[in-house]
Structures are given as structure tokens and as C-alpha cells.
Amino acid sequence: MKKTAGEKTLLASVLLSAPGPIVVGLGLFYGQSSTQLADFIRRSAELAAIIVSWATFRFLHTSGELDMHRKERLERTANVCVGAAMCLSGAAMILIALFSSSKERGNVIPGLVIALLGAITNSWFWIRYRSLDRKKKNVILKAQSQLYFAKSLVDICVSTALSFLLIAPTASASRYVDLGGSMVVAVYLLINGLGIIRGKSIIADSQV
């Protein structure tokens, strides 16, 4: 069966998201930034959620006719997985931000590069998913649009925090900027995770 535009976009999301956790994870061997660690866990959780969404979307569009109740249940399950992964990661991020005591930030360049590239790529995916959902309403594609809108905002925040650490690693304010970056990630995960579980993204609903 020929792949739909939605399935192709979801598969592209999986393939382009996969290197992120690997690169940022490798960077953690050389750096100890709490923002970078938060970003690694966030990207890993989001990758797992995107894979679930892609698998569910593909199943729904290759398994023939399904009764409406089962279809809605599968779509709901996929979106709950997205929201739950984000909430669990958000809780972990708060603990990391509060209890991190490392003063040595190390090399944050890998995380910064990934965050900058992520801001560009995720913005494109947000626009793409929003366009697909407007053409043909689909709850999985809508959830991905919400996810990528928030991912773009967080990548901008992460880029700002890591840029500050790169430019002024010994400045007294760097500790607070690093912690602030982690807390932004945590708040984003919790708010949007709960919103997606409830079927309504709080942040993404503000998009024009």
C-alpha cells in the first residue's frame, strides 16, 4: 500500500529525531551541563513517543476498515503515550535541576549544535504537521503538530542557555542560566504532556 503524506512525515520525524539523543548523549561524556542532560532525556522520551505515533498511524492506514471505537482507542493510546512520556521526563528534569551540584560544565558544543538544528527542523515539522492536519483532520497528526510547536520553543530556550555557558562558562550567572534551561524543559514537558493526555495542548492552542 502506498504511503500517505502523513505516514511519510511521521517516518521522517523518526529518522531525523533518532540521531539527537545519540549525539547529545555522547556529549555528556565530555560535559556535565544539567541543561544538556535534561535535553538528552527529553529527546529520548520524545523519540519513543514519535515511534509509537508512527507505528499506530501506519497500522490504522494499512489494516483496512476498523470500527470507529477501535480506531479512536488506538489514536487515544498513541496520544496518551506522547503525553505520558513528556510528563515522566518533566518530573525527572525537575529532580535533575534541583539536585544537580556539578560546577564543571565541560563541552556543551554538541548539545548546542543539536539544539540549533532542532529549532530549525522542528519548526519545519510543526508547519508540515499543521498543514496536513488542516487538509485532513487527524488526531495523531494534530498531536504531532502540538508536540513540534513546543519542541521548537524548547530548542530555542536550550540553545540560549547553552550559548551562554559556551560564551561565559565561569560567570557566576551561568549556574542559574543552566538551571533555568532545565526548568524550562521540565515545565514544557509537564504542561504539554498533561495537555495532550487531556486532548488539548495548552501551549499549542496559542498558535496563530
C-alpha atoms as a PDB file:
ATOM      1  CA  MET A   1       0.000   0.000   0.000  1.00  0.00           C
ATOM      2  CA  LYS A   2       1.288   3.444  -0.952  1.00  0.00           C
ATOM      3  CA  LYS A   3       2.453   5.558   1.966  1.00  0.00           C
ATOM      4  CA  THR A   4       0.338   8.610   2.745  1.00  0.00           C
ATOM      5  CA  ALA A   5       1.837  12.075   3.241  1.00  0.00           C
ATOM      6  CA  GLY A   6       1.166  11.754   6.973  1.00  0.00           C
ATOM      7  CA  GLU A   7       2.985   8.435   7.255  1.00  0.00           C
ATOM      8  CA  LYS A   8       5.950   9.749   5.259  1.00  0.00           C
ATOM      9  CA  THR A   9       6.194  12.794   7.516  1.00  0.00           C
ATOM     10  CA  LEU A  10       5.992  10.652  10.663  1.00  0.00           C
ATOM     11  CA  LEU A  11       8.689   8.330   9.344  1.00  0.00           C
ATOM     12  CA  ALA A  12      10.869  11.348   8.518  1.00  0.00           C
ATOM     13  CA  SER A  13      10.308  12.575  12.085  1.00  0.00           C
ATOM     14  CA  VAL A  14      11.537   9.247  13.466  1.00  0.00           C
ATOM     15  CA  LEU A  15      14.618   9.153  11.239  1.00  0.00           C
ATOM     16  CA  LEU A  16      15.610  12.767  11.898  1.00  0.00           C
ATOM     17  CA  SER A  17      14.915  12.546  15.646  1.00  0.00           C
ATOM     18  CA  ALA A  18      16.928   9.349  16.140  1.00  0.00           C
ATOM     19  CA  PRO A  19      20.433  10.916  15.977  1.00  0.00           C
ATOM     20  CA  GLY A  20      19.577  13.621  18.536  1.00  0.00           C
ATOM     21  CA  PRO A  21      19.707  11.509  21.719  1.00  0.00           C
ATOM     22  CA  ILE A  22      22.846   9.737  20.456  1.00  0.00           C
ATOM     23  CA  VAL A  23      24.800  12.926  19.741  1.00  0.00           C
ATOM     24  CA  VAL A  24      23.671  14.719  22.900  1.00  0.00           C
ATOM     25  CA  GLY A  25      24.335  11.543  24.905  1.00  0.00           C
ATOM     26  CA  LEU A  26      27.887  11.337  23.571  1.00  0.00           C
ATOM     27  CA  GLY A  27      28.337  14.984  24.511  1.00  0.00           C
ATOM     28  CA  LEU A  28      27.539  14.102  28.115  1.00  0.00           C
ATOM     29  CA  PHE A  29      30.810  12.147  28.283  1.00  0.00           C
ATOM     30  CA  TYR A  30      32.633  15.469  27.873  1.00  0.00           C
ATOM     31  CA  GLY A  31      30.242  17.889  29.563  1.00  0.00           C
ATOM     32  CA  GLN A  32      28.150  17.888  32.743  1.00  0.00           C
ATOM     33  CA  SER A  33      25.567  20.569  31.986  1.00  0.00           C
ATOM     34  CA  SER A  34      22.207  19.861  33.619  1.00  0.00           C
ATOM     35  CA  THR A  35      20.502  21.527  30.665  1.00  0.00           C
ATOM     36  CA  GLN A  36      22.304  19.156  28.311  1.00  0.00           C
ATOM     37  CA  LEU A  37      21.316  16.135  30.413  1.00  0.00           C
ATOM     38  CA  ALA A  38      17.715  17.370  30.507  1.00  0.00           C
ATOM     39  CA  ASP A  39      17.786  17.785  26.750  1.00  0.00           C
ATOM     40  CA  PHE A  40      19.090  14.217  26.307  1.00  0.00           C
ATOM     41  CA  ILE A  41      16.272  12.697  28.377  1.00  0.00           C
ATOM     42  CA  ARG A  42      13.679  14.900  26.668  1.00  0.00           C
ATOM     43  CA  ARG A  43      14.818  13.882  23.185  1.00  0.00           C
ATOM     44  CA  SER A  44      14.894  10.182  24.128  1.00  0.00           C
ATOM     45  CA  ALA A  45      11.348  10.288  25.510  1.00  0.00           C
ATOM     46  CA  GLU A  46      10.062  12.220  22.521  1.00  0.00           C
ATOM     47  CA  LEU A  47      11.702   9.800  20.084  1.00  0.00           C
ATOM     48  CA  ALA A  48       9.933   6.881  21.775  1.00  0.00           C
ATOM     49  CA  ALA A  49       6.612   8.743  21.593  1.00  0.00           C
ATOM     50  CA  ILE A  50       7.081   9.606  17.904  1.00  0.00           C
ATOM     51  CA  ILE A  51       7.854   5.958  17.112  1.00  0.00           C
ATOM     52  CA  VAL A  52       4.618   4.887  18.844  1.00  0.00           C
ATOM     53  CA  SER A  53       2.661   7.511  16.889  1.00  0.00           C
ATOM     54  CA  TRP A  54       4.207   6.429  13.588  1.00  0.00           C
ATOM     55  CA  ALA A  55       3.526   2.738  14.274  1.00  0.00           C
ATOM     56  CA  THR A  56      -0.085   3.472  15.253  1.00  0.00           C
ATOM     57  CA  PHE A  57      -0.691   5.722  12.241  1.00  0.00           C
ATOM     58  CA  ARG A  58       0.786   3.099   9.900  1.00  0.00           C
ATOM     59  CA  PHE A  59      -1.309   0.317  11.430  1.00  0.00           C
ATOM     60  CA  LEU A  60      -4.508   2.349  11.099  1.00  0.00           C
ATOM     61  CA  HIS A  61      -3.828   3.047   7.430  1.00  0.00           C
ATOM     62  CA  THR A  62      -2.707  -0.446   6.394  1.00  0.00           C
ATOM     63  CA  SER A  63      -5.123  -2.682   8.300  1.00  0.00           C
ATOM     64  CA  GLY A  64      -8.211  -1.956   6.238  1.00  0.00           C
ATOM     65  CA  GLU A  65     -11.530  -0.891   7.716  1.00  0.00           C
ATOM     66  CA  LEU A  66     -11.652  -0.685  11.513  1.00  0.00           C
ATOM     67  CA  ASP A  67     -14.705   0.074  13.618  1.00  0.00           C
ATOM     68  CA  MET A  68     -14.761   3.657  14.872  1.00  0.00           C
ATOM     69  CA  HIS A  69     -14.448   2.668  18.538  1.00  0.00           C
ATOM     70  CA  ARG A  70     -11.236   0.685  17.991  1.00  0.00           C
ATOM     71  CA  LYS A  71      -9.767   3.396  15.769  1.00  0.00           C
ATOM     72  CA  GLU A  72     -10.423   6.093  18.375  1.00  0.00           C
ATOM     73  CA  ARG A  73      -8.986   3.857  21.116  1.00  0.00           C
ATOM     74  CA  LEU A  74      -5.743   3.307  19.189  1.00  0.00           C
ATOM     75  CA  GLU A  75      -5.420   7.016  18.394  1.00  0.00           C
ATOM     76  CA  ARG A  76      -6.067   7.869  22.019  1.00  0.00           C
ATOM     77  CA  THR A  77      -3.470   5.330  23.160  1.00  0.00           C
ATOM     78  CA  ALA A  78      -0.842   6.839  20.859  1.00  0.00           C
ATOM     79  CA  ASN A  79      -1.517  10.340  22.157  1.00  0.00           C
ATOM     80  CA  VAL A  80      -1.516   9.203  25.788  1.00  0.00           C
ATOM     81  CA  CYS A  81       1.914   7.641  25.161  1.00  0.00           C
ATOM     82  CA  VAL A  82       3.130  11.006  23.869  1.00  0.00           C
ATOM     83  CA  GLY A  83       1.737  12.853  26.872  1.00  0.00           C
ATOM     84  CA  ALA A  84       2.875  10.289  29.444  1.00  0.00           C
ATOM     85  CA  ALA A  85       6.439  10.240  28.115  1.00  0.00           C
ATOM     86  CA  MET A  86       6.580  14.023  28.348  1.00  0.00           C
ATOM     87  CA  CYS A  87       5.183  14.100  31.895  1.00  0.00           C
ATOM     88  CA  LEU A  88       7.572  11.424  33.185  1.00  0.00           C
ATOM     89  CA  SER A  89      10.506  13.228  31.611  1.00  0.00           C
ATOM     90  CA  GLY A  90       9.362  16.552  33.058  1.00  0.00           C
ATOM     91  CA  ALA A  91       9.306  15.107  36.575  1.00  0.00           C
ATOM     92  CA  ALA A  92      12.818  13.702  36.072  1.00  0.00           C
ATOM     93  CA  MET A  93      14.035  17.076  34.824  1.00  0.00           C
ATOM     94  CA  ILE A  94      12.837  18.868  37.942  1.00  0.00           C
ATOM     95  CA  LEU A  95      14.787  16.430  40.132  1.00  0.00           C
ATOM     96  CA  ILE A  96      17.905  16.853  37.975  1.00  0.00           C
ATOM     97  CA  ALA A  97      17.637  20.643  38.074  1.00  0.00           C
ATOM     98  CA  LEU A  98      17.120  20.760  41.838  1.00  0.00           C
ATOM     99  CA  PHE A  99      19.770  18.242  42.871  1.00  0.00           C
ATOM    100  CA  SER A 100      22.495  18.853  40.278  1.00  0.00           C
ATOM    101  CA  SER A 101      25.631  20.058  42.076  1.00  0.00           C
ATOM    102  CA  SER A 102      28.212  19.908  39.316  1.00  0.00           C
ATOM    103  CA  LYS A 103      30.187  23.120  38.856  1.00  0.00           C
ATOM    104  CA  GLU A 104      32.123  21.931  35.829  1.00  0.00           C
ATOM    105  CA  ARG A 105      30.114  22.431  32.659  1.00  0.00           C
ATOM    106  CA  GLY A 106      32.587  20.903  30.221  1.00  0.00           C
ATOM    107  CA  ASN A 107      31.926  20.820  26.479  1.00  0.00           C
ATOM    108  CA  VAL A 108      28.389  21.895  25.633  1.00  0.00           C
ATOM    109  CA  ILE A 109      29.030  22.346  21.903  1.00  0.00           C
ATOM    110  CA  PRO A 110      27.422  19.008  20.793  1.00  0.00           C
ATOM    111  CA  GLY A 111      24.225  19.831  22.664  1.00  0.00           C
ATOM    112  CA  LEU A 112      24.226  23.399  21.327  1.00  0.00           C
ATOM    113  CA  VAL A 113      24.620  22.256  17.715  1.00  0.00           C
ATOM    114  CA  ILE A 114      21.781  19.743  18.075  1.00  0.00           C
ATOM    115  CA  ALA A 115      19.545  22.352  19.745  1.00  0.00           C
ATOM    116  CA  LEU A 116      20.145  24.901  16.960  1.00  0.00           C
ATOM    117  CA  LEU A 117      19.492  22.336  14.237  1.00  0.00           C
ATOM    118  CA  GLY A 118      16.472  21.127  16.189  1.00  0.00           C
ATOM    119  CA  ALA A 119      14.955  24.608  16.335  1.00  0.00           C
ATOM    120  CA  ILE A 120      15.092  24.815  12.527  1.00  0.00           C
ATOM    121  CA  THR A 121      13.973  21.241  11.811  1.00  0.00           C
ATOM    122  CA  ASN A 122      11.217  21.175  14.412  1.00  0.00           C
ATOM    123  CA  SER A 123       9.771  24.450  13.122  1.00  0.00           C
ATOM    124  CA  TRP A 124       9.520  22.889   9.660  1.00  0.00           C
ATOM    125  CA  PHE A 125       7.836  19.767  11.045  1.00  0.00           C
ATOM    126  CA  TRP A 126       5.379  21.893  13.045  1.00  0.00           C
ATOM    127  CA  ILE A 127       4.359  23.755   9.881  1.00  0.00           C
ATOM    128  CA  ARG A 128       4.154  20.483   7.936  1.00  0.00           C
ATOM    129  CA  TYR A 129       2.007  18.657  10.512  1.00  0.00           C
ATOM    130  CA  ARG A 130      -0.271  21.664  10.935  1.00  0.00           C
ATOM    131  CA  SER A 131      -0.766  21.824   7.168  1.00  0.00           C
ATOM    132  CA  LEU A 132      -1.533  18.083   6.942  1.00  0.00           C
ATOM    133  CA  ASP A 133      -4.000  18.259   9.832  1.00  0.00           C
ATOM    134  CA  ARG A 134      -5.796  21.231   8.270  1.00  0.00           C
ATOM    135  CA  LYS A 135      -6.156  19.410   4.953  1.00  0.00           C
ATOM    136  CA  LYS A 136      -7.493  16.243   6.570  1.00  0.00           C
ATOM    137  CA  LYS A 137      -8.241  16.224  10.285  1.00  0.00           C
ATOM    138  CA  ASN A 138      -6.342  13.527  12.170  1.00  0.00           C
ATOM    139  CA  VAL A 139      -5.792  13.396  15.939  1.00  0.00           C
ATOM    140  CA  ILE A 140      -2.341  11.789  15.649  1.00  0.00           C
ATOM    141  CA  LEU A 141      -1.105  14.449  13.212  1.00  0.00           C
ATOM    142  CA  LYS A 142      -2.638  17.161  15.393  1.00  0.00           C
ATOM    143  CA  ALA A 143      -0.769  15.838  18.443  1.00  0.00           C
ATOM    144  CA  GLN A 144       2.457  15.838  16.431  1.00  0.00           C
ATOM    145  CA  SER A 145       1.802  19.436  15.390  1.00  0.00           C
ATOM    146  CA  GLN A 146       1.372  20.367  19.055  1.00  0.00           C
ATOM    147  CA  LEU A 147       4.484  18.407  20.005  1.00  0.00           C
ATOM    148  CA  TYR A 148       6.687  20.012  17.369  1.00  0.00           C
ATOM    149  CA  PHE A 149       5.424  23.524  18.096  1.00  0.00           C
ATOM    150  CA  ALA A 150       6.513  23.125  21.721  1.00  0.00           C
ATOM    151  CA  LYS A 151       9.740  21.318  20.702  1.00  0.00           C
ATOM    152  CA  SER A 152      10.695  24.358  18.629  1.00  0.00           C
ATOM    153  CA  LEU A 153      10.190  26.695  21.583  1.00  0.00           C
ATOM    154  CA  VAL A 154      12.209  24.466  23.902  1.00  0.00           C
ATOM    155  CA  ASP A 155      15.086  24.122  21.425  1.00  0.00           C
ATOM    156  CA  ILE A 156      15.293  27.914  21.323  1.00  0.00           C
ATOM    157  CA  CYS A 157      15.438  28.010  25.140  1.00  0.00           C
ATOM    158  CA  VAL A 158      18.069  25.245  25.268  1.00  0.00           C
ATOM    159  CA  SER A 159      20.147  26.998  22.593  1.00  0.00           C
ATOM    160  CA  THR A 160      20.050  30.226  24.598  1.00  0.00           C
ATOM    161  CA  ALA A 161      21.133  28.514  27.834  1.00  0.00           C
ATOM    162  CA  LEU A 162      23.970  26.525  26.249  1.00  0.00           C
ATOM    163  CA  SER A 163      25.173  29.553  24.246  1.00  0.00           C
ATOM    164  CA  PHE A 164      25.524  31.491  27.490  1.00  0.00           C
ATOM    165  CA  LEU A 165      27.503  28.631  29.048  1.00  0.00           C
ATOM    166  CA  LEU A 166      29.770  28.481  25.990  1.00  0.00           C
ATOM    167  CA  ILE A 167      30.433  32.226  25.949  1.00  0.00           C
ATOM    168  CA  ALA A 168      30.809  32.731  29.718  1.00  0.00           C
ATOM    169  CA  PRO A 169      31.341  29.319  31.369  1.00  0.00           C
ATOM    170  CA  THR A 170      32.940  30.793  34.505  1.00  0.00           C
ATOM    171  CA  ALA A 171      30.422  33.586  35.059  1.00  0.00           C
ATOM    172  CA  SER A 172      28.500  33.334  38.318  1.00  0.00           C
ATOM    173  CA  ALA A 173      25.241  33.654  36.406  1.00  0.00           C
ATOM    174  CA  SER A 174      25.992  30.580  34.290  1.00  0.00           C
ATOM    175  CA  ARG A 175      24.771  28.263  37.060  1.00  0.00           C
ATOM    176  CA  TYR A 176      21.392  29.981  37.099  1.00  0.00           C
ATOM    177  CA  VAL A 177      21.133  30.072  33.315  1.00  0.00           C
ATOM    178  CA  ASP A 178      21.897  26.342  33.175  1.00  0.00           C
ATOM    179  CA  LEU A 179      19.338  25.593  35.893  1.00  0.00           C
ATOM    180  CA  GLY A 180      16.846  27.868  34.172  1.00  0.00           C
ATOM    181  CA  GLY A 181      17.258  25.928  30.932  1.00  0.00           C
ATOM    182  CA  SER A 182      16.487  22.676  32.745  1.00  0.00           C
ATOM    183  CA  MET A 183      13.417  24.124  34.423  1.00  0.00           C
ATOM    184  CA  VAL A 184      12.084  25.469  31.112  1.00  0.00           C
ATOM    185  CA  VAL A 185      12.386  21.960  29.661  1.00  0.00           C
ATOM    186  CA  ALA A 186      10.612  20.497  32.702  1.00  0.00           C
ATOM    187  CA  VAL A 187       7.729  22.977  32.613  1.00  0.00           C
ATOM    188  CA  TYR A 188       7.298  22.447  28.876  1.00  0.00           C
ATOM    189  CA  LEU A 189       7.153  18.665  29.302  1.00  0.00           C
ATOM    190  CA  LEU A 190       4.644  18.744  32.155  1.00  0.00           C
ATOM    191  CA  ILE A 191       2.277  21.347  30.697  1.00  0.00           C
ATOM    192  CA  ASN A 192       2.164  19.871  27.212  1.00  0.00           C
ATOM    193  CA  GLY A 193       2.211  16.269  28.442  1.00  0.00           C
ATOM    194  CA  LEU A 194      -0.863  16.849  30.594  1.00  0.00           C
ATOM    195  CA  GLY A 195      -2.464  18.869  27.806  1.00  0.00           C
ATOM    196  CA  ILE A 196      -2.020  16.107  25.225  1.00  0.00           C
ATOM    197  CA  ILE A 197      -3.327  13.457  27.654  1.00  0.00           C
ATOM    198  CA  ARG A 198      -6.415  15.615  28.171  1.00  0.00           C
ATOM    199  CA  GLY A 199      -6.704  16.026  24.417  1.00  0.00           C
ATOM    200  CA  LYS A 200      -5.784  19.702  24.350  1.00  0.00           C
ATOM    201  CA  SER A 201      -2.290  21.214  24.192  1.00  0.00           C
ATOM    202  CA  ILE A 202      -2.137  24.355  26.300  1.00  0.00           C
ATOM    203  CA  ILE A 203       0.848  25.931  24.548  1.00  0.00           C
ATOM    204  CA  ALA A 204       0.000  24.870  21.020  1.00  0.00           C
ATOM    205  CA  ASP A 205      -3.530  26.270  21.329  1.00  0.00           C
ATOM    206  CA  SER A 206      -1.981  29.728  21.349  1.00  0.00           C
ATOM    207  CA  GLN A 207      -0.524  29.264  17.892  1.00  0.00           C
ATOM    208  CA  VAL A 208      -1.914  31.552  15.206  1.00  0.00           C
END
